[in-house]
PDB file of N, CA and C in Angstrom:
ATOM      1  N   MET A   1     -11.826  -9.432  -4.782  1.00  0.00           N
ATOM      2  CA  MET A   1     -11.326  -9.636  -6.126  1.00  0.00           C
ATOM      3  C   MET A   1     -11.233  -8.339  -6.909  1.00  0.00           C
ATOM      4  N   GLU A   2     -12.223  -7.479  -6.733  1.00  0.00           N
ATOM      5  CA  GLU A   2     -12.239  -6.208  -7.463  1.00  0.00           C
ATOM      6  C   GLU A   2     -11.017  -5.355  -7.106  1.00  0.00           C
ATOM      7  N   ALA A   3     -10.645  -5.355  -5.831  1.00  0.00           N
ATOM      8  CA  ALA A   3      -9.484  -4.572  -5.403  1.00  0.00           C
ATOM      9  C   ALA A   3      -8.213  -5.062  -6.093  1.00  0.00           C
ATOM     10  N   ASN A   4      -8.063  -6.368  -6.218  1.00  0.00           N
ATOM     11  CA  ASN A   4      -6.884  -6.924  -6.870  1.00  0.00           C
ATOM     12  C   ASN A   4      -6.841  -6.555  -8.353  1.00  0.00           C
ATOM     13  N   LYS A   5      -7.993  -6.540  -9.010  1.00  0.00           N
ATOM     14  CA  LYS A   5      -8.050  -6.142 -10.418  1.00  0.00           C
ATOM     15  C   LYS A   5      -7.625  -4.686 -10.572  1.00  0.00           C
ATOM     16  N   LYS A   6      -8.095  -3.827  -9.667  1.00  0.00           N
ATOM     17  CA  LYS A   6      -7.699  -2.417  -9.716  1.00  0.00           C
ATOM     18  C   LYS A   6      -6.192  -2.287  -9.523  1.00  0.00           C
ATOM     19  N   TRP A   7      -5.645  -3.032  -8.552  1.00  0.00           N
ATOM     20  CA  TRP A   7      -4.211  -2.989  -8.265  1.00  0.00           C
ATOM     21  C   TRP A   7      -3.407  -3.408  -9.493  1.00  0.00           C
ATOM     22  N   LEU A   8      -3.818  -4.485 -10.123  1.00  0.00           N
ATOM     23  CA  LEU A   8      -3.081  -4.985 -11.283  1.00  0.00           C
ATOM     24  C   LEU A   8      -3.245  -4.096 -12.512  1.00  0.00           C
ATOM     25  N   SER A   9      -4.261  -3.239 -12.513  1.00  0.00           N
ATOM     26  CA  SER A   9      -4.434  -2.317 -13.640  1.00  0.00           C
ATOM     27  C   SER A   9      -3.460  -1.138 -13.562  1.00  0.00           C
ATOM     28  N   ILE A  10      -2.821  -0.955 -12.420  1.00  0.00           N
ATOM     29  CA  ILE A  10      -1.811   0.100 -12.254  1.00  0.00           C
ATOM     30  C   ILE A  10      -0.500  -0.413 -12.855  1.00  0.00           C
ATOM     31  N   PRO A  11       0.190   0.398 -13.650  1.00  0.00           N
ATOM     32  CA  PRO A  11       1.470  -0.052 -14.233  1.00  0.00           C
ATOM     33  C   PRO A  11       2.447  -0.531 -13.152  1.00  0.00           C
ATOM     34  N   GLU A  12       3.182  -1.582 -13.461  1.00  0.00           N
ATOM     35  CA  GLU A  12       4.069  -2.219 -12.488  1.00  0.00           C
ATOM     36  C   GLU A  12       5.078  -1.251 -11.872  1.00  0.00           C
ATOM     37  N   ASP A  13       5.666  -0.374 -12.667  1.00  0.00           N
ATOM     38  CA  ASP A  13       6.657   0.556 -12.115  1.00  0.00           C
ATOM     39  C   ASP A  13       6.018   1.505 -11.100  1.00  0.00           C
ATOM     40  N   PHE A  14       4.776   1.896 -11.327  1.00  0.00           N
ATOM     41  CA  PHE A  14       4.085   2.774 -10.386  1.00  0.00           C
ATOM     42  C   PHE A  14       3.679   2.008  -9.129  1.00  0.00           C
ATOM     43  N   ARG A  15       3.291   0.729  -9.278  1.00  0.00           N
ATOM     44  CA  ARG A  15       2.971  -0.092  -8.096  1.00  0.00           C
ATOM     45  C   ARG A  15       4.188  -0.210  -7.194  1.00  0.00           C
ATOM     46  N   LYS A  16       5.369  -0.385  -7.782  1.00  0.00           N
ATOM     47  CA  LYS A  16       6.597  -0.487  -6.987  1.00  0.00           C
ATOM     48  C   LYS A  16       6.851   0.810  -6.212  1.00  0.00           C
ATOM     49  N   LYS A  17       6.578   1.954  -6.840  1.00  0.00           N
ATOM     50  CA  LYS A  17       6.747   3.232  -6.159  1.00  0.00           C
ATOM     51  C   LYS A  17       5.781   3.358  -4.991  1.00  0.00           C
ATOM     52  N   LEU A  18       4.546   2.915  -5.180  1.00  0.00           N
ATOM     53  CA  LEU A  18       3.555   2.968  -4.106  1.00  0.00           C
ATOM     54  C   LEU A  18       3.965   2.087  -2.930  1.00  0.00           C
ATOM     55  N   ILE A  19       4.462   0.890  -3.223  1.00  0.00           N
ATOM     56  CA  ILE A  19       4.894  -0.039  -2.175  1.00  0.00           C
ATOM     57  C   ILE A  19       6.047   0.553  -1.368  1.00  0.00           C
ATOM     58  N   GLY A  20       6.915   1.297  -2.001  1.00  0.00           N
ATOM     59  CA  GLY A  20       8.076   1.881  -1.332  1.00  0.00           C
ATOM     60  C   GLY A  20       7.838   3.264  -0.766  1.00  0.00           C
ATOM     61  N   ASN A  21       6.594   3.718  -0.761  1.00  0.00           N
ATOM     62  CA  ASN A  21       6.298   5.080  -0.312  1.00  0.00           C
ATOM     63  C   ASN A  21       5.094   5.075   0.626  1.00  0.00           C
ATOM     64  N   VAL A  22       5.295   4.482   1.804  1.00  0.00           N
ATOM     65  CA  VAL A  22       4.239   4.359   2.811  1.00  0.00           C
ATOM     66  C   VAL A  22       4.731   5.007   4.104  1.00  0.00           C
ATOM     67  N   ARG A  23       3.862   5.744   4.752  1.00  0.00           N
ATOM     68  CA  ARG A  23       4.232   6.438   5.992  1.00  0.00           C
ATOM     69  C   ARG A  23       4.060   5.522   7.192  1.00  0.00           C
ATOM     70  N   CYS A  24       5.115   5.369   7.989  1.00  0.00           N
ATOM     71  CA  CYS A  24       5.060   4.614   9.242  1.00  0.00           C
ATOM     72  C   CYS A  24       5.110   5.606  10.398  1.00  0.00           C
ATOM     73  N   THR A  25       4.077   5.622  11.212  1.00  0.00           N
ATOM     74  CA  THR A  25       4.046   6.560  12.335  1.00  0.00           C
ATOM     75  C   THR A  25       5.023   6.149  13.434  1.00  0.00           C
ATOM     76  N   HIS A  26       5.327   4.854  13.531  1.00  0.00           N
ATOM     77  CA  HIS A  26       6.283   4.410  14.546  1.00  0.00           C
ATOM     78  C   HIS A  26       7.705   4.833  14.180  1.00  0.00           C
ATOM     79  N   CYS A  27       8.084   4.637  12.938  1.00  0.00           N
ATOM     80  CA  CYS A  27       9.424   5.034  12.466  1.00  0.00           C
ATOM     81  C   CYS A  27       9.496   6.534  12.175  1.00  0.00           C
ATOM     82  N   ASN A  28       8.326   7.162  12.020  1.00  0.00           N
ATOM     83  CA  ASN A  28       8.241   8.572  11.659  1.00  0.00           C
ATOM     84  C   ASN A  28       9.011   8.837  10.361  1.00  0.00           C
ATOM     85  N   ASP A  29       8.754   7.959   9.384  1.00  0.00           N
ATOM     86  CA  ASP A  29       9.472   8.058   8.116  1.00  0.00           C
ATOM     87  C   ASP A  29       8.661   7.367   7.011  1.00  0.00           C
ATOM     88  N   VAL A  30       9.105   7.572   5.790  1.00  0.00           N
ATOM     89  CA  VAL A  30       8.533   6.871   4.648  1.00  0.00           C
ATOM     90  C   VAL A  30       9.265   5.540   4.524  1.00  0.00           C
ATOM     91  N   VAL A  31       8.479   4.446   4.414  1.00  0.00           N
ATOM     92  CA  VAL A  31       9.056   3.107   4.424  1.00  0.00           C
ATOM     93  C   VAL A  31       8.455   2.269   3.296  1.00  0.00           C
ATOM     94  N   THR A  32       8.926   1.044   3.197  1.00  0.00           N
ATOM     95  CA  THR A  32       8.371   0.055   2.280  1.00  0.00           C
ATOM     96  C   THR A  32       7.384  -0.811   3.042  1.00  0.00           C
ATOM     97  N   ILE A  33       6.227  -1.076   2.423  1.00  0.00           N
ATOM     98  CA  ILE A  33       5.226  -1.949   3.029  1.00  0.00           C
ATOM     99  C   ILE A  33       5.508  -3.388   2.615  1.00  0.00           C
ATOM    100  N   THR A  34       5.395  -4.317   3.567  1.00  0.00           N
ATOM    101  CA  THR A  34       5.601  -5.741   3.286  1.00  0.00           C
ATOM    102  C   THR A  34       4.395  -6.528   3.777  1.00  0.00           C
ATOM    103  N   ASP A  35       4.321  -7.766   3.357  1.00  0.00           N
ATOM    104  CA  ASP A  35       3.263  -8.683   3.800  1.00  0.00           C
ATOM    105  C   ASP A  35       1.884  -8.043   3.721  1.00  0.00           C
ATOM    106  N   PHE A  36       1.626  -7.339   2.621  1.00  0.00           N
ATOM    107  CA  PHE A  36       0.364  -6.601   2.521  1.00  0.00           C
ATOM    108  C   PHE A  36      -0.702  -7.375   1.772  1.00  0.00           C
ATOM    109  N   ILE A  37      -1.947  -7.025   2.090  1.00  0.00           N
ATOM    110  CA  ILE A  37      -3.092  -7.510   1.337  1.00  0.00           C
ATOM    111  C   ILE A  37      -3.739  -6.292   0.689  1.00  0.00           C
ATOM    112  N   ILE A  38      -4.476  -6.528  -0.355  1.00  0.00           N
ATOM    113  CA  ILE A  38      -5.134  -5.455  -1.095  1.00  0.00           C
ATOM    114  C   ILE A  38      -6.628  -5.572  -0.827  1.00  0.00           C
ATOM    115  N   VAL A  39      -7.217  -4.488  -0.306  1.00  0.00           N
ATOM    116  CA  VAL A  39      -8.637  -4.512   0.033  1.00  0.00           C
ATOM    117  C   VAL A  39      -9.340  -3.314  -0.598  1.00  0.00           C
ATOM    118  N   ASP A  40     -10.649  -3.464  -0.801  1.00  0.00           N
ATOM    119  CA  ASP A  40     -11.447  -2.343  -1.301  1.00  0.00           C
ATOM    120  C   ASP A  40     -11.498  -1.241  -0.258  1.00  0.00           C
ATOM    121  N   HIS A  41     -11.552  -0.014  -0.717  1.00  0.00           N
ATOM    122  CA  HIS A  41     -11.639   1.166   0.141  1.00  0.00           C
ATOM    123  C   HIS A  41     -12.580   2.137  -0.551  1.00  0.00           C
ATOM    124  N   PRO A  42     -13.354   2.920   0.201  1.00  0.00           N
ATOM    125  CA  PRO A  42     -14.281   3.862  -0.444  1.00  0.00           C
ATOM    126  C   PRO A  42     -13.619   4.791  -1.468  1.00  0.00           C
ATOM    127  N   ALA A  43     -12.359   5.125  -1.258  1.00  0.00           N
ATOM    128  CA  ALA A  43     -11.654   6.024  -2.173  1.00  0.00           C
ATOM    129  C   ALA A  43     -10.981   5.283  -3.325  1.00  0.00           C
ATOM    130  N   GLY A  44     -10.871   3.959  -3.233  1.00  0.00           N
ATOM    131  CA  GLY A  44     -10.195   3.170  -4.261  1.00  0.00           C
ATOM    132  C   GLY A  44      -9.816   1.809  -3.726  1.00  0.00           C
ATOM    133  N   ILE A  45      -8.507   1.636  -3.420  1.00  0.00           N
ATOM    134  CA  ILE A  45      -8.026   0.406  -2.798  1.00  0.00           C
ATOM    135  C   ILE A  45      -7.077   0.764  -1.672  1.00  0.00           C
ATOM    136  N   MET A  46      -6.839  -0.207  -0.795  1.00  0.00           N
ATOM    137  CA  MET A  46      -5.941   0.028   0.335  1.00  0.00           C
ATOM    138  C   MET A  46      -4.975  -1.146   0.451  1.00  0.00           C
ATOM    139  N   LEU A  47      -3.701  -0.818   0.646  1.00  0.00           N
ATOM    140  CA  LEU A  47      -2.684  -1.815   0.950  1.00  0.00           C
ATOM    141  C   LEU A  47      -2.577  -1.863   2.462  1.00  0.00           C
ATOM    142  N   ASP A  48      -2.780  -3.025   3.048  1.00  0.00           N
ATOM    143  CA  ASP A  48      -2.781  -3.202   4.502  1.00  0.00           C
ATOM    144  C   ASP A  48      -1.683  -4.194   4.833  1.00  0.00           C
ATOM    145  N   GLY A  49      -0.610  -3.708   5.467  1.00  0.00           N
ATOM    146  CA  GLY A  49       0.525  -4.589   5.725  1.00  0.00           C
ATOM    147  C   GLY A  49       1.387  -4.127   6.872  1.00  0.00           C
ATOM    148  N   LYS A  50       2.690  -4.429   6.762  1.00  0.00           N
ATOM    149  CA  LYS A  50       3.648  -4.141   7.829  1.00  0.00           C
ATOM    150  C   LYS A  50       4.786  -3.270   7.312  1.00  0.00           C
ATOM    151  N   CYS A  51       5.340  -2.483   8.217  1.00  0.00           N
ATOM    152  CA  CYS A  51       6.526  -1.676   7.931  1.00  0.00           C
ATOM    153  C   CYS A  51       7.729  -2.608   7.784  1.00  0.00           C
ATOM    154  N   LYS A  52       8.490  -2.411   6.728  1.00  0.00           N
ATOM    155  CA  LYS A  52       9.680  -3.239   6.494  1.00  0.00           C
ATOM    156  C   LYS A  52      10.715  -3.045   7.603  1.00  0.00           C
ATOM    157  N   ASN A  53      10.757  -1.840   8.199  1.00  0.00           N
ATOM    158  CA  ASN A  53      11.782  -1.547   9.195  1.00  0.00           C
ATOM    159  C   ASN A  53      11.450  -2.056  10.589  1.00  0.00           C
ATOM    160  N   CYS A  54      10.224  -1.783  11.058  1.00  0.00           N
ATOM    161  CA  CYS A  54       9.889  -2.095  12.453  1.00  0.00           C
ATOM    162  C   CYS A  54       8.812  -3.165  12.609  1.00  0.00           C
ATOM    163  N   GLY A  55       8.097  -3.486  11.548  1.00  0.00           N
ATOM    164  CA  GLY A  55       7.075  -4.520  11.622  1.00  0.00           C
ATOM    165  C   GLY A  55       5.710  -4.051  12.068  1.00  0.00           C
ATOM    166  N   ASN A  56       5.574  -2.782  12.423  1.00  0.00           N
ATOM    167  CA  ASN A  56       4.260  -2.266  12.822  1.00  0.00           C
ATOM    168  C   ASN A  56       3.324  -2.192  11.632  1.00  0.00           C
ATOM    169  N   LYS A  57       2.027  -2.145  11.925  1.00  0.00           N
ATOM    170  CA  LYS A  57       1.013  -2.072  10.874  1.00  0.00           C
ATOM    171  C   LYS A  57       1.086  -0.725  10.165  1.00  0.00           C
ATOM    172  N   VAL A  58       1.028  -0.776   8.832  1.00  0.00           N
ATOM    173  CA  VAL A  58       0.945   0.427   8.003  1.00  0.00           C
ATOM    174  C   VAL A  58      -0.082   0.176   6.911  1.00  0.00           C
ATOM    175  N   VAL A  59      -0.665   1.252   6.416  1.00  0.00           N
ATOM    176  CA  VAL A  59      -1.610   1.165   5.311  1.00  0.00           C
ATOM    177  C   VAL A  59      -1.304   2.247   4.304  1.00  0.00           C
ATOM    178  N   ARG A  60      -1.694   1.979   3.066  1.00  0.00           N
ATOM    179  CA  ARG A  60      -1.556   2.964   1.999  1.00  0.00           C
ATOM    180  C   ARG A  60      -2.835   2.929   1.177  1.00  0.00           C
ATOM    181  N   VAL A  61      -3.519   4.074   1.088  1.00  0.00           N
ATOM    182  CA  VAL A  61      -4.722   4.166   0.273  1.00  0.00           C
ATOM    183  C   VAL A  61      -4.311   4.672  -1.110  1.00  0.00           C
ATOM    184  N   VAL A  62      -4.794   3.975  -2.131  1.00  0.00           N
ATOM    185  CA  VAL A  62      -4.552   4.358  -3.514  1.00  0.00           C
ATOM    186  C   VAL A  62      -5.906   4.766  -4.085  1.00  0.00           C
ATOM    187  N   GLU A  63      -6.053   6.047  -4.340  1.00  0.00           N
ATOM    188  CA  GLU A  63      -7.337   6.568  -4.800  1.00  0.00           C
ATOM    189  C   GLU A  63      -7.577   6.246  -6.257  1.00  0.00           C
ATOM    190  N   ASP A  64      -8.874   6.032  -6.574  1.00  0.00           N
ATOM    191  CA  ASP A  64      -9.262   5.855  -7.974  1.00  0.00           C
ATOM    192  C   ASP A  64      -9.006   7.149  -8.717  1.00  0.00           C
ATOM    193  N   ILE A  65      -8.645   7.014  -9.974  1.00  0.00           N
ATOM    194  CA  ILE A  65      -8.402   8.202 -10.802  1.00  0.00           C
ATOM    195  C   ILE A  65      -9.622   8.495 -11.626  1.00  0.00           C
TER     196      ILE A  65
END
């Protein structure tokens, strides 16, 4: 629950940028993350989901400010 509160505290326009700026090692490119869950991470929160292009697992860590 805490991770979701942190995620929602980020302005919506910035959340959209984060969702569209995830590195996929399979595609070797910056992609959009889909079907993600938000989990706690020691540095802040982590988006754990799939690459929109190939479907492989991708993650994005969003550090606390």
